[in-house]
Structures are given as C-alpha cells and as structure tokens.
C-alpha cells in the first residue's frame, strides 16, 4: 500500500511533519496486529 501526501500539502510544514511522524511511529511497532511502515520516499511526492 502506498500512502501519498496530497501534493498541495507538501509545502505545509505541519502536515509534512505529521506524515513523517506516522511513518516513524508505525515503523517502530513490530507486532502482527499493527500495519507496519516499510519505507518512506520523497520522489515525485512524499509517500509511505
């Protein structure tokens, strides 16, 4: 699953930080009952 931040929000610091927070927190949780984040990319848009 690829979750991409809306392009019009990529210049909004609060939204970008919130998006990265989600990636960092979800990547830390290693449990079969939580959906893990596998990677973060910033190519042609910011996405998890």
ModelCIF file with pLDDT and N, C-alpha, C, O atoms, coordinates in Angstrom:
data_MODEL
#
_entry.id   MODEL 
#
_entity.id                         1 
_entity.type                       polymer 
_entity.pdbx_number_of_molecules   1 
#
_entity_poly.entity_id                      1 
_entity_poly.type                           'polypeptide(L)' 
_entity_poly.nstd_linkage                   no 
_entity_poly.nstd_monomer                   no 
_entity_poly.pdbx_seq_one_letter_code       
;(UNK)(UNK)(UNK)(UNK)(UNK)(UNK)(UNK)(UNK)(UNK)(UNK)(UNK)(UNK)(UNK)(UNK)(UNK)(UNK)
(UNK)(UNK)(UNK)(UNK)(UNK)(UNK)(UNK)(UNK)(UNK)(UNK)(UNK)(UNK)(UNK)(UNK)(UNK)(UNK)
(UNK)(UNK)(UNK)(UNK)(UNK)(UNK)(UNK)(UNK)(UNK)(UNK)(UNK)(UNK)(UNK)(UNK)(UNK)(UNK)
;
_entity_poly.pdbx_seq_one_letter_code_can   XXXXXXXXXXXXXXXXXXXXXXXXXXXXXXXXXXXXXXXXXXXXXXXX 
_entity_poly.pdbx_strand_id                 A 
#
loop_
_entity_poly_seq.entity_id 
_entity_poly_seq.num 
_entity_poly_seq.mon_id 
_entity_poly_seq.hetero 
1 1  UNK n 
1 2  UNK n 
1 3  UNK n 
1 4  UNK n 
1 5  UNK n 
1 6  UNK n 
1 7  UNK n 
1 8  UNK n 
1 9  UNK n 
1 10 UNK n 
1 11 UNK n 
1 12 UNK n 
1 13 UNK n 
1 14 UNK n 
1 15 UNK n 
1 16 UNK n 
1 17 UNK n 
1 18 UNK n 
1 19 UNK n 
1 20 UNK n 
1 21 UNK n 
1 22 UNK n 
1 23 UNK n 
1 24 UNK n 
1 25 UNK n 
1 26 UNK n 
1 27 UNK n 
1 28 UNK n 
1 29 UNK n 
1 30 UNK n 
1 31 UNK n 
1 32 UNK n 
1 33 UNK n 
1 34 UNK n 
1 35 UNK n 
1 36 UNK n 
1 37 UNK n 
1 38 UNK n 
1 39 UNK n 
1 40 UNK n 
1 41 UNK n 
1 42 UNK n 
1 43 UNK n 
1 44 UNK n 
1 45 UNK n 
1 46 UNK n 
1 47 UNK n 
1 48 UNK n 
#
_struct_asym.id          A 
_struct_asym.entity_id   1 
#
loop_
_ma_qa_metric.id 
_ma_qa_metric.mode 
_ma_qa_metric.name 
_ma_qa_metric.software_group_id 
_ma_qa_metric.type 
1 global pLDDT . pLDDT 
2 local  pLDDT . pLDDT 
#
_ma_qa_metric_global.metric_id      1 
_ma_qa_metric_global.metric_value   84.62 
_ma_qa_metric_global.model_id       1 
_ma_qa_metric_global.ordinal_id     1 
#
loop_
_ma_qa_metric_local.label_asym_id 
_ma_qa_metric_local.label_comp_id 
_ma_qa_metric_local.label_seq_id 
_ma_qa_metric_local.metric_id 
_ma_qa_metric_local.metric_value 
_ma_qa_metric_local.model_id 
_ma_qa_metric_local.ordinal_id 
A UNK 1  2 93.00 1 1  
A UNK 2  2 92.00 1 2  
A UNK 3  2 90.00 1 3  
A UNK 4  2 90.00 1 4  
A UNK 5  2 87.00 1 5  
A UNK 6  2 90.00 1 6  
A UNK 7  2 86.00 1 7  
A UNK 8  2 87.00 1 8  
A UNK 9  2 87.00 1 9  
A UNK 10 2 84.00 1 10 
A UNK 11 2 83.00 1 11 
A UNK 12 2 84.00 1 12 
A UNK 13 2 81.00 1 13 
A UNK 14 2 79.00 1 14 
A UNK 15 2 81.00 1 15 
A UNK 16 2 83.00 1 16 
A UNK 17 2 81.00 1 17 
A UNK 18 2 79.00 1 18 
A UNK 19 2 80.00 1 19 
A UNK 20 2 81.00 1 20 
A UNK 21 2 77.00 1 21 
A UNK 22 2 75.00 1 22 
A UNK 23 2 78.00 1 23 
A UNK 24 2 79.00 1 24 
A UNK 25 2 78.00 1 25 
A UNK 26 2 78.00 1 26 
A UNK 27 2 81.00 1 27 
A UNK 28 2 85.00 1 28 
A UNK 29 2 87.00 1 29 
A UNK 30 2 90.00 1 30 
A UNK 31 2 93.00 1 31 
A UNK 32 2 94.00 1 32 
A UNK 33 2 95.00 1 33 
A UNK 34 2 93.00 1 34 
A UNK 35 2 91.00 1 35 
A UNK 36 2 86.00 1 36 
A UNK 37 2 86.00 1 37 
A UNK 38 2 87.00 1 38 
A UNK 39 2 86.00 1 39 
A UNK 40 2 85.00 1 40 
A UNK 41 2 82.00 1 41 
A UNK 42 2 80.00 1 42 
A UNK 43 2 78.00 1 43 
A UNK 44 2 78.00 1 44 
A UNK 45 2 81.00 1 45 
A UNK 46 2 86.00 1 46 
A UNK 47 2 88.00 1 47 
A UNK 48 2 87.00 1 48 
#
loop_
_atom_site.group_PDB 
_atom_site.id 
_atom_site.type_symbol 
_atom_site.label_atom_id 
_atom_site.label_alt_id 
_atom_site.label_comp_id 
_atom_site.label_asym_id 
_atom_site.label_entity_id 
_atom_site.label_seq_id 
_atom_site.pdbx_PDB_ins_code 
_atom_site.Cartn_x 
_atom_site.Cartn_y 
_atom_site.Cartn_z 
_atom_site.occupancy 
_atom_site.B_iso_or_equiv 
_atom_site.pdbx_formal_charge 
_atom_site.auth_seq_id 
_atom_site.auth_comp_id 
_atom_site.auth_asym_id 
_atom_site.auth_atom_id 
_atom_site.pdbx_PDB_model_num 
ATOM 1   N N  . UNK A 1 1  ? 0.864  -1.182 0.000  1.00 93.00 ? 1  UNK A N  1 
ATOM 2   C CA . UNK A 1 1  ? 0.000  0.000  0.000  1.00 93.00 ? 1  UNK A CA 1 
ATOM 3   C C  . UNK A 1 1  ? 0.902  1.234  0.000  1.00 93.00 ? 1  UNK A C  1 
ATOM 4   O O  . UNK A 1 1  ? 1.845  1.323  0.786  1.00 93.00 ? 1  UNK A O  1 
ATOM 5   N N  . UNK A 1 2  ? 0.605  2.172  -0.879 1.00 92.00 ? 2  UNK A N  1 
ATOM 6   C CA . UNK A 1 2  ? 1.399  3.401  -0.981 1.00 92.00 ? 2  UNK A CA 1 
ATOM 7   C C  . UNK A 1 2  ? 0.511  4.577  -0.567 1.00 92.00 ? 2  UNK A C  1 
ATOM 8   O O  . UNK A 1 2  ? -0.495 4.872  -1.211 1.00 92.00 ? 2  UNK A O  1 
ATOM 9   N N  . UNK A 1 3  ? 0.900  5.231  0.507  1.00 90.00 ? 3  UNK A N  1 
ATOM 10  C CA . UNK A 1 3  ? 0.128  6.362  1.028  1.00 90.00 ? 3  UNK A CA 1 
ATOM 11  C C  . UNK A 1 3  ? 0.872  7.650  0.685  1.00 90.00 ? 3  UNK A C  1 
ATOM 12  O O  . UNK A 1 3  ? 1.939  7.924  1.234  1.00 90.00 ? 3  UNK A O  1 
ATOM 13  N N  . UNK A 1 4  ? 0.309  8.425  -0.214 1.00 90.00 ? 4  UNK A N  1 
ATOM 14  C CA . UNK A 1 4  ? 0.980  9.629  -0.700 1.00 90.00 ? 4  UNK A CA 1 
ATOM 15  C C  . UNK A 1 4  ? 0.306  10.892 -0.156 1.00 90.00 ? 4  UNK A C  1 
ATOM 16  O O  . UNK A 1 4  ? -0.911 11.053 -0.243 1.00 90.00 ? 4  UNK A O  1 
ATOM 17  N N  . UNK A 1 5  ? 1.120  11.770 0.399  1.00 87.00 ? 5  UNK A N  1 
ATOM 18  C CA . UNK A 1 5  ? 0.622  13.057 0.882  1.00 87.00 ? 5  UNK A CA 1 
ATOM 19  C C  . UNK A 1 5  ? 0.095  13.854 -0.298 1.00 87.00 ? 5  UNK A C  1 
ATOM 20  O O  . UNK A 1 5  ? 0.727  13.890 -1.354 1.00 87.00 ? 5  UNK A O  1 
ATOM 21  N N  . UNK A 1 6  ? -1.063 14.496 -0.130 1.00 90.00 ? 6  UNK A N  1 
ATOM 22  C CA . UNK A 1 6  ? -1.619 15.302 -1.213 1.00 90.00 ? 6  UNK A CA 1 
ATOM 23  C C  . UNK A 1 6  ? -0.596 16.361 -1.652 1.00 90.00 ? 6  UNK A C  1 
ATOM 24  O O  . UNK A 1 6  ? 0.000  17.023 -0.803 1.00 90.00 ? 6  UNK A O  1 
ATOM 25  N N  . UNK A 1 7  ? -0.387 16.528 -2.955 1.00 86.00 ? 7  UNK A N  1 
ATOM 26  C CA . UNK A 1 7  ? 0.621  17.481 -3.451 1.00 86.00 ? 7  UNK A CA 1 
ATOM 27  C C  . UNK A 1 7  ? 0.466  18.890 -2.895 1.00 86.00 ? 7  UNK A C  1 
ATOM 28  O O  . UNK A 1 7  ? 1.461  19.566 -2.636 1.00 86.00 ? 7  UNK A O  1 
ATOM 29  N N  . UNK A 1 8  ? -0.779 19.341 -2.707 1.00 87.00 ? 8  UNK A N  1 
ATOM 30  C CA . UNK A 1 8  ? -0.973 20.718 -2.239 1.00 87.00 ? 8  UNK A CA 1 
ATOM 31  C C  . UNK A 1 8  ? -0.597 20.900 -0.765 1.00 87.00 ? 8  UNK A C  1 
ATOM 32  O O  . UNK A 1 8  ? -0.552 22.026 -0.270 1.00 87.00 ? 8  UNK A O  1 
ATOM 33  N N  . UNK A 1 9  ? -0.321 19.768 -0.051 1.00 87.00 ? 9  UNK A N  1 
ATOM 34  C CA . UNK A 1 9  ? 0.077  19.849 1.356  1.00 87.00 ? 9  UNK A CA 1 
ATOM 35  C C  . UNK A 1 9  ? 1.587  19.708 1.541  1.00 87.00 ? 9  UNK A C  1 
ATOM 36  O O  . UNK A 1 9  ? 2.089  19.850 2.657  1.00 87.00 ? 9  UNK A O  1 
ATOM 37  N N  . UNK A 1 10 ? 2.310  19.431 0.467  1.00 84.00 ? 10 UNK A N  1 
ATOM 38  C CA . UNK A 1 10 ? 3.744  19.168 0.597  1.00 84.00 ? 10 UNK A CA 1 
ATOM 39  C C  . UNK A 1 10 ? 4.537  20.406 1.013  1.00 84.00 ? 10 UNK A C  1 
ATOM 40  O O  . UNK A 1 10 ? 5.670  20.290 1.481  1.00 84.00 ? 10 UNK A O  1 
ATOM 41  N N  . UNK A 1 11 ? 3.948  21.581 0.845  1.00 83.00 ? 11 UNK A N  1 
ATOM 42  C CA . UNK A 1 11 ? 4.606  22.799 1.285  1.00 83.00 ? 11 UNK A CA 1 
ATOM 43  C C  . UNK A 1 11 ? 4.193  23.235 2.679  1.00 83.00 ? 11 UNK A C  1 
ATOM 44  O O  . UNK A 1 11 ? 4.672  24.250 3.185  1.00 83.00 ? 11 UNK A O  1 
ATOM 45  N N  . UNK A 1 12 ? 3.286  22.455 3.312  1.00 84.00 ? 12 UNK A N  1 
ATOM 46  C CA . UNK A 1 12 ? 2.797  22.791 4.648  1.00 84.00 ? 12 UNK A CA 1 
ATOM 47  C C  . UNK A 1 12 ? 3.592  21.998 5.688  1.00 84.00 ? 12 UNK A C  1 
ATOM 48  O O  . UNK A 1 12 ? 3.469  20.777 5.777  1.00 84.00 ? 12 UNK A O  1 
ATOM 49  N N  . UNK A 1 13 ? 4.402  22.701 6.466  1.00 81.00 ? 13 UNK A N  1 
ATOM 50  C CA . UNK A 1 13 ? 5.317  22.041 7.395  1.00 81.00 ? 13 UNK A CA 1 
ATOM 51  C C  . UNK A 1 13 ? 4.601  21.141 8.391  1.00 81.00 ? 13 UNK A C  1 
ATOM 52  O O  . UNK A 1 13 ? 5.073  20.041 8.680  1.00 81.00 ? 13 UNK A O  1 
ATOM 53  N N  . UNK A 1 14 ? 3.460  21.598 8.922  1.00 79.00 ? 14 UNK A N  1 
ATOM 54  C CA . UNK A 1 14 ? 2.743  20.808 9.916  1.00 79.00 ? 14 UNK A CA 1 
ATOM 55  C C  . UNK A 1 14 ? 2.281  19.470 9.344  1.00 79.00 ? 14 UNK A C  1 
ATOM 56  O O  . UNK A 1 14 ? 2.393  18.433 9.999  1.00 79.00 ? 14 UNK A O  1 
ATOM 57  N N  . UNK A 1 15 ? 1.759  19.502 8.113  1.00 81.00 ? 15 UNK A N  1 
ATOM 58  C CA . UNK A 1 15 ? 1.250  18.280 7.505  1.00 81.00 ? 15 UNK A CA 1 
ATOM 59  C C  . UNK A 1 15 ? 2.390  17.327 7.152  1.00 81.00 ? 15 UNK A C  1 
ATOM 60  O O  . UNK A 1 15 ? 2.270  16.115 7.332  1.00 81.00 ? 15 UNK A O  1 
ATOM 61  N N  . UNK A 1 16 ? 3.487  17.874 6.653  1.00 83.00 ? 16 UNK A N  1 
ATOM 62  C CA . UNK A 1 16 ? 4.644  17.036 6.329  1.00 83.00 ? 16 UNK A CA 1 
ATOM 63  C C  . UNK A 1 16 ? 5.179  16.375 7.594  1.00 83.00 ? 16 UNK A C  1 
ATOM 64  O O  . UNK A 1 16 ? 5.493  15.185 7.583  1.00 83.00 ? 16 UNK A O  1 
ATOM 65  N N  . UNK A 1 17 ? 5.286  17.134 8.686  1.00 81.00 ? 17 UNK A N  1 
ATOM 66  C CA . UNK A 1 17 ? 5.783  16.580 9.953  1.00 81.00 ? 17 UNK A CA 1 
ATOM 67  C C  . UNK A 1 17 ? 4.850  15.506 10.484 1.00 81.00 ? 17 UNK A C  1 
ATOM 68  O O  . UNK A 1 17 ? 5.310  14.477 10.980 1.00 81.00 ? 17 UNK A O  1 
ATOM 69  N N  . UNK A 1 18 ? 3.540  15.731 10.388 1.00 79.00 ? 18 UNK A N  1 
ATOM 70  C CA . UNK A 1 18 ? 2.561  14.756 10.852 1.00 79.00 ? 18 UNK A CA 1 
ATOM 71  C C  . UNK A 1 18 ? 2.674  13.460 10.040 1.00 79.00 ? 18 UNK A C  1 
ATOM 72  O O  . UNK A 1 18 ? 2.576  12.359 10.582 1.00 79.00 ? 18 UNK A O  1 
ATOM 73  N N  . UNK A 1 19 ? 2.880  13.619 8.741  1.00 80.00 ? 19 UNK A N  1 
ATOM 74  C CA . UNK A 1 19 ? 3.017  12.480 7.841  1.00 80.00 ? 19 UNK A CA 1 
ATOM 75  C C  . UNK A 1 19 ? 4.264  11.659 8.201  1.00 80.00 ? 19 UNK A C  1 
ATOM 76  O O  . UNK A 1 19 ? 4.216  10.430 8.248  1.00 80.00 ? 19 UNK A O  1 
ATOM 77  N N  . UNK A 1 20 ? 5.370  12.351 8.451  1.00 81.00 ? 20 UNK A N  1 
ATOM 78  C CA . UNK A 1 20 ? 6.608  11.663 8.816  1.00 81.00 ? 20 UNK A CA 1 
ATOM 79  C C  . UNK A 1 20 ? 6.501  11.036 10.205 1.00 81.00 ? 20 UNK A C  1 
ATOM 80  O O  . UNK A 1 20 ? 7.079  9.979  10.462 1.00 81.00 ? 20 UNK A O  1 
ATOM 81  N N  . UNK A 1 21 ? 5.761  11.691 11.096 1.00 77.00 ? 21 UNK A N  1 
ATOM 82  C CA . UNK A 1 21 ? 5.519  11.116 12.420 1.00 77.00 ? 21 UNK A CA 1 
ATOM 83  C C  . UNK A 1 21 ? 4.857  9.754  12.301 1.00 77.00 ? 21 UNK A C  1 
ATOM 84  O O  . UNK A 1 21 ? 5.246  8.796  12.969 1.00 77.00 ? 21 UNK A O  1 
ATOM 85  N N  . UNK A 1 22 ? 3.836  9.683  11.426 1.00 75.00 ? 22 UNK A N  1 
ATOM 86  C CA . UNK A 1 22 ? 3.122  8.422  11.248 1.00 75.00 ? 22 UNK A CA 1 
ATOM 87  C C  . UNK A 1 22 ? 4.082  7.325  10.799 1.00 75.00 ? 22 UNK A C  1 
ATOM 88  O O  . UNK A 1 22 ? 4.040  6.204  11.305 1.00 75.00 ? 22 UNK A O  1 
ATOM 89  N N  . UNK A 1 23 ? 4.953  7.665  9.834  1.00 78.00 ? 23 UNK A N  1 
ATOM 90  C CA . UNK A 1 23 ? 5.905  6.678  9.322  1.00 78.00 ? 23 UNK A CA 1 
ATOM 91  C C  . UNK A 1 23 ? 6.844  6.210  10.428 1.00 78.00 ? 23 UNK A C  1 
ATOM 92  O O  . UNK A 1 23 ? 7.094  5.013  10.576 1.00 78.00 ? 23 UNK A O  1 
ATOM 93  N N  . UNK A 1 24 ? 7.358  7.154  11.199 1.00 79.00 ? 24 UNK A N  1 
ATOM 94  C CA . UNK A 1 24 ? 8.334  6.806  12.223 1.00 79.00 ? 24 UNK A CA 1 
ATOM 95  C C  . UNK A 1 24 ? 7.713  5.975  13.338 1.00 79.00 ? 24 UNK A C  1 
ATOM 96  O O  . UNK A 1 24 ? 8.315  5.007  13.801 1.00 79.00 ? 24 UNK A O  1 
ATOM 97  N N  . UNK A 1 25 ? 6.514  6.349  13.769 1.00 78.00 ? 25 UNK A N  1 
ATOM 98  C CA . UNK A 1 25 ? 5.867  5.618  14.854 1.00 78.00 ? 25 UNK A CA 1 
ATOM 99  C C  . UNK A 1 25 ? 5.454  4.222  14.413 1.00 78.00 ? 25 UNK A C  1 
ATOM 100 O O  . UNK A 1 25 ? 5.695  3.245  15.123 1.00 78.00 ? 25 UNK A O  1 
ATOM 101 N N  . UNK A 1 26 ? 4.826  4.127  13.232 1.00 78.00 ? 26 UNK A N  1 
ATOM 102 C CA . UNK A 1 26 ? 4.357  2.824  12.758 1.00 78.00 ? 26 UNK A CA 1 
ATOM 103 C C  . UNK A 1 26 ? 5.525  1.881  12.495 1.00 78.00 ? 26 UNK A C  1 
ATOM 104 O O  . UNK A 1 26 ? 5.398  0.672  12.689 1.00 78.00 ? 26 UNK A O  1 
ATOM 105 N N  . UNK A 1 27 ? 6.662  2.418  12.057 1.00 81.00 ? 27 UNK A N  1 
ATOM 106 C CA . UNK A 1 27 ? 7.831  1.572  11.788 1.00 81.00 ? 27 UNK A CA 1 
ATOM 107 C C  . UNK A 1 27 ? 8.402  0.981  13.074 1.00 81.00 ? 27 UNK A C  1 
ATOM 108 O O  . UNK A 1 27 ? 9.022  -0.082 13.047 1.00 81.00 ? 27 UNK A O  1 
ATOM 109 N N  . UNK A 1 28 ? 8.197  1.664  14.200 1.00 85.00 ? 28 UNK A N  1 
ATOM 110 C CA . UNK A 1 28 ? 8.727  1.181  15.485 1.00 85.00 ? 28 UNK A CA 1 
ATOM 111 C C  . UNK A 1 28 ? 7.895  0.030  16.048 1.00 85.00 ? 28 UNK A C  1 
ATOM 112 O O  . UNK A 1 28 ? 8.410  -0.807 16.789 1.00 85.00 ? 28 UNK A O  1 
ATOM 113 N N  . UNK A 1 29 ? 6.622  -0.010 15.701 1.00 87.00 ? 29 UNK A N  1 
ATOM 114 C CA . UNK A 1 29 ? 5.726  -1.014 16.277 1.00 87.00 ? 29 UNK A CA 1 
ATOM 115 C C  . UNK A 1 29 ? 5.876  -2.318 15.501 1.00 87.00 ? 29 UNK A C  1 
ATOM 116 O O  . UNK A 1 29 ? 5.452  -2.410 14.349 1.00 87.00 ? 29 UNK A O  1 
ATOM 117 N N  . UNK A 1 30 ? 6.464  -3.300 16.114 1.00 90.00 ? 30 UNK A N  1 
ATOM 118 C CA . UNK A 1 30 ? 6.643  -4.604 15.465 1.00 90.00 ? 30 UNK A CA 1 
ATOM 119 C C  . UNK A 1 30 ? 5.700  -5.606 16.120 1.00 90.00 ? 30 UNK A C  1 
ATOM 120 O O  . UNK A 1 30 ? 6.045  -6.273 17.095 1.00 90.00 ? 30 UNK A O  1 
ATOM 121 N N  . UNK A 1 31 ? 4.522  -5.687 15.564 1.00 93.00 ? 31 UNK A N  1 
ATOM 122 C CA . UNK A 1 31 ? 3.501  -6.564 16.139 1.00 93.00 ? 31 UNK A CA 1 
ATOM 123 C C  . UNK A 1 31 ? 2.581  -7.038 15.022 1.00 93.00 ? 31 UNK A C  1 
ATOM 124 O O  . UNK A 1 31 ? 2.251  -6.254 14.132 1.00 93.00 ? 31 UNK A O  1 
ATOM 125 N N  . UNK A 1 32 ? 2.158  -8.305 15.044 1.00 94.00 ? 32 UNK A N  1 
ATOM 126 C CA . UNK A 1 32 ? 1.316  -8.833 13.956 1.00 94.00 ? 32 UNK A CA 1 
ATOM 127 C C  . UNK A 1 32 ? -0.042 -8.174 13.834 1.00 94.00 ? 32 UNK A C  1 
ATOM 128 O O  . UNK A 1 32 ? -0.718 -8.342 12.819 1.00 94.00 ? 32 UNK A O  1 
ATOM 129 N N  . UNK A 1 33 ? -0.462 -7.414 14.864 1.00 95.00 ? 33 UNK A N  1 
ATOM 130 C CA . UNK A 1 33 ? -1.773 -6.763 14.806 1.00 95.00 ? 33 UNK A CA 1 
ATOM 131 C C  . UNK A 1 33 ? -1.679 -5.261 14.569 1.00 95.00 ? 33 UNK A C  1 
ATOM 132 O O  . UNK A 1 33 ? -2.605 -4.515 14.887 1.00 95.00 ? 33 UNK A O  1 
ATOM 133 N N  . UNK A 1 34 ? -0.555 -4.823 14.010 1.00 93.00 ? 34 UNK A N  1 
ATOM 134 C CA . UNK A 1 34 ? -0.389 -3.432 13.571 1.00 93.00 ? 34 UNK A CA 1 
ATOM 135 C C  . UNK A 1 34 ? 0.173  -3.437 12.158 1.00 93.00 ? 34 UNK A C  1 
ATOM 136 O O  . UNK A 1 34 ? 1.037  -4.251 11.832 1.00 93.00 ? 34 UNK A O  1 
ATOM 137 N N  . UNK A 1 35 ? -0.317 -2.527 11.317 1.00 91.00 ? 35 UNK A N  1 
ATOM 138 C CA . UNK A 1 35 ? 0.182  -2.430 9.946  1.00 91.00 ? 35 UNK A CA 1 
ATOM 139 C C  . UNK A 1 35 ? 1.524  -1.702 9.964  1.00 91.00 ? 35 UNK A C  1 
ATOM 140 O O  . UNK A 1 35 ? 1.587  -0.551 10.397 1.00 91.00 ? 35 UNK A O  1 
ATOM 141 N N  . UNK A 1 36 ? 2.604  -2.348 9.503  1.00 86.00 ? 36 UNK A N  1 
ATOM 142 C CA . UNK A 1 36 ? 3.921  -1.708 9.561  1.00 86.00 ? 36 UNK A CA 1 
ATOM 143 C C  . UNK A 1 36 ? 4.185  -0.787 8.371  1.00 86.00 ? 36 UNK A C  1 
ATOM 144 O O  . UNK A 1 36 ? 3.652  -0.995 7.281  1.00 86.00 ? 36 UNK A O  1 
ATOM 145 N N  . UNK A 1 37 ? 5.012  0.228  8.594  1.00 86.00 ? 37 UNK A N  1 
ATOM 146 C CA . UNK A 1 37 ? 5.540  1.058  7.521  1.00 86.00 ? 37 UNK A CA 1 
ATOM 147 C C  . UNK A 1 37 ? 6.854  0.448  7.066  1.00 86.00 ? 37 UNK A C  1 
ATOM 148 O O  . UNK A 1 37 ? 7.738  0.181  7.880  1.00 86.00 ? 37 UNK A O  1 
ATOM 149 N N  . UNK A 1 38 ? 6.981  0.230  5.773  1.00 87.00 ? 38 UNK A N  1 
ATOM 150 C CA . UNK A 1 38 ? 8.160  -0.438 5.224  1.00 87.00 ? 38 UNK A CA 1 
ATOM 151 C C  . UNK A 1 38 ? 9.210  0.542  4.724  1.00 87.00 ? 38 UNK A C  1 
ATOM 152 O O  . UNK A 1 38 ? 10.403 0.241  4.751  1.00 87.00 ? 38 UNK A O  1 
ATOM 153 N N  . UNK A 1 39 ? 8.772  1.718  4.264  1.00 86.00 ? 39 UNK A N  1 
ATOM 154 C CA . UNK A 1 39 ? 9.726  2.657  3.680  1.00 86.00 ? 39 UNK A CA 1 
ATOM 155 C C  . UNK A 1 39 ? 9.077  4.033  3.578  1.00 86.00 ? 39 UNK A C  1 
ATOM 156 O O  . UNK A 1 39 ? 7.854  4.164  3.615  1.00 86.00 ? 39 UNK A O  1 
ATOM 157 N N  . UNK A 1 40 ? 9.913  5.043  3.452  1.00 85.00 ? 40 UNK A N  1 
ATOM 158 C CA . UNK A 1 40 ? 9.471  6.418  3.186  1.00 85.00 ? 40 UNK A CA 1 
ATOM 159 C C  . UNK A 1 40 ? 10.246 6.913  1.979  1.00 85.00 ? 40 UNK A C  1 
ATOM 160 O O  . UNK A 1 40 ? 11.467 6.761  1.922  1.00 85.00 ? 40 UNK A O  1 
ATOM 161 N N  . UNK A 1 41 ? 9.561  7.496  1.025  1.00 82.00 ? 41 UNK A N  1 
ATOM 162 C CA . UNK A 1 41 ? 10.211 8.001  -0.182 1.00 82.00 ? 41 UNK A CA 1 
ATOM 163 C C  . UNK A 1 41 ? 9.785  9.440  -0.440 1.00 82.00 ? 41 UNK A C  1 
ATOM 164 O O  . UNK A 1 41 ? 8.690  9.863  -0.069 1.00 82.00 ? 41 UNK A O  1 
ATOM 165 N N  . UNK A 1 42 ? 10.673 10.172 -1.079 1.00 80.00 ? 42 UNK A N  1 
ATOM 166 C CA . UNK A 1 42 ? 10.381 11.556 -1.452 1.00 80.00 ? 42 UNK A CA 1 
ATOM 167 C C  . UNK A 1 42 ? 10.792 11.762 -2.903 1.00 80.00 ? 42 UNK A C  1 
ATOM 168 O O  . UNK A 1 42 ? 11.620 12.617 -3.217 1.00 80.00 ? 42 UNK A O  1 
ATOM 169 N N  . UNK A 1 43 ? 10.202 10.970 -3.770 1.00 78.00 ? 43 UNK A N  1 
ATOM 170 C CA . UNK A 1 43 ? 10.457 11.060 -5.197 1.00 78.00 ? 43 UNK A CA 1 
ATOM 171 C C  . UNK A 1 43 ? 9.135  11.322 -5.901 1.00 78.00 ? 43 UNK A C  1 
ATOM 172 O O  . UNK A 1 43 ? 8.206  10.519 -5.822 1.00 78.00 ? 43 UNK A O  1 
ATOM 173 N N  . UNK A 1 44 ? 9.062  12.458 -6.590 1.00 78.00 ? 44 UNK A N  1 
ATOM 174 C CA . UNK A 1 44 ? 7.810  12.858 -7.238 1.00 78.00 ? 44 UNK A CA 1 
ATOM 175 C C  . UNK A 1 44 ? 6.677  12.879 -6.220 1.00 78.00 ? 44 UNK A C  1 
ATOM 176 O O  . UNK A 1 44 ? 5.555  12.468 -6.519 1.00 78.00 ? 44 UNK A O  1 
ATOM 177 N N  . UNK A 1 45 ? 6.974  13.356 -5.026 1.00 81.00 ? 45 UNK A N  1 
ATOM 178 C CA . UNK A 1 45 ? 5.992  13.422 -3.960 1.00 81.00 ? 45 UNK A CA 1 
ATOM 179 C C  . UNK A 1 45 ? 6.437  12.630 -2.742 1.00 81.00 ? 45 UNK A C  1 
ATOM 180 O O  . UNK A 1 45 ? 7.273  11.732 -2.843 1.00 81.00 ? 45 UNK A O  1 
ATOM 181 N N  . UNK A 1 46 ? 5.871  12.970 -1.593 1.00 86.00 ? 46 UNK A N  1 
ATOM 182 C CA . UNK A 1 46 ? 6.218  12.302 -0.334 1.00 86.00 ? 46 UNK A CA 1 
ATOM 183 C C  . UNK A 1 46 ? 5.227  11.174 -0.089 1.00 86.00 ? 46 UNK A C  1 
ATOM 184 O O  . UNK A 1 46 ? 4.017  11.401 -0.079 1.00 86.00 ? 46 UNK A O  1 
ATOM 185 N N  . UNK A 1 47 ? 5.732  9.954  0.110  1.00 88.00 ? 47 UNK A N  1 
ATOM 186 C CA . UNK A 1 47 ? 4.820  8.840  0.328  1.00 88.00 ? 47 UNK A CA 1 
ATOM 187 C C  . UNK A 1 47 ? 5.425  7.783  1.242  1.00 88.00 ? 47 UNK A C  1 
ATOM 188 O O  . UNK A 1 47 ? 6.643  7.645  1.361  1.00 88.00 ? 47 UNK A O  1 
ATOM 189 N N  . UNK A 1 48 ? 4.521  7.043  1.885  1.00 87.00 ? 48 UNK A N  1 
ATOM 190 C CA . UNK A 1 48 ? 4.887  5.924  2.736  1.00 87.00 ? 48 UNK A CA 1 
ATOM 191 C C  . UNK A 1 48 ? 4.583  4.630  2.000  1.00 87.00 ? 48 UNK A C  1 
ATOM 192 O O  . UNK A 1 48 ? 4.815  3.547  2.536  1.00 87.00 ? 48 UNK A O  1 
#
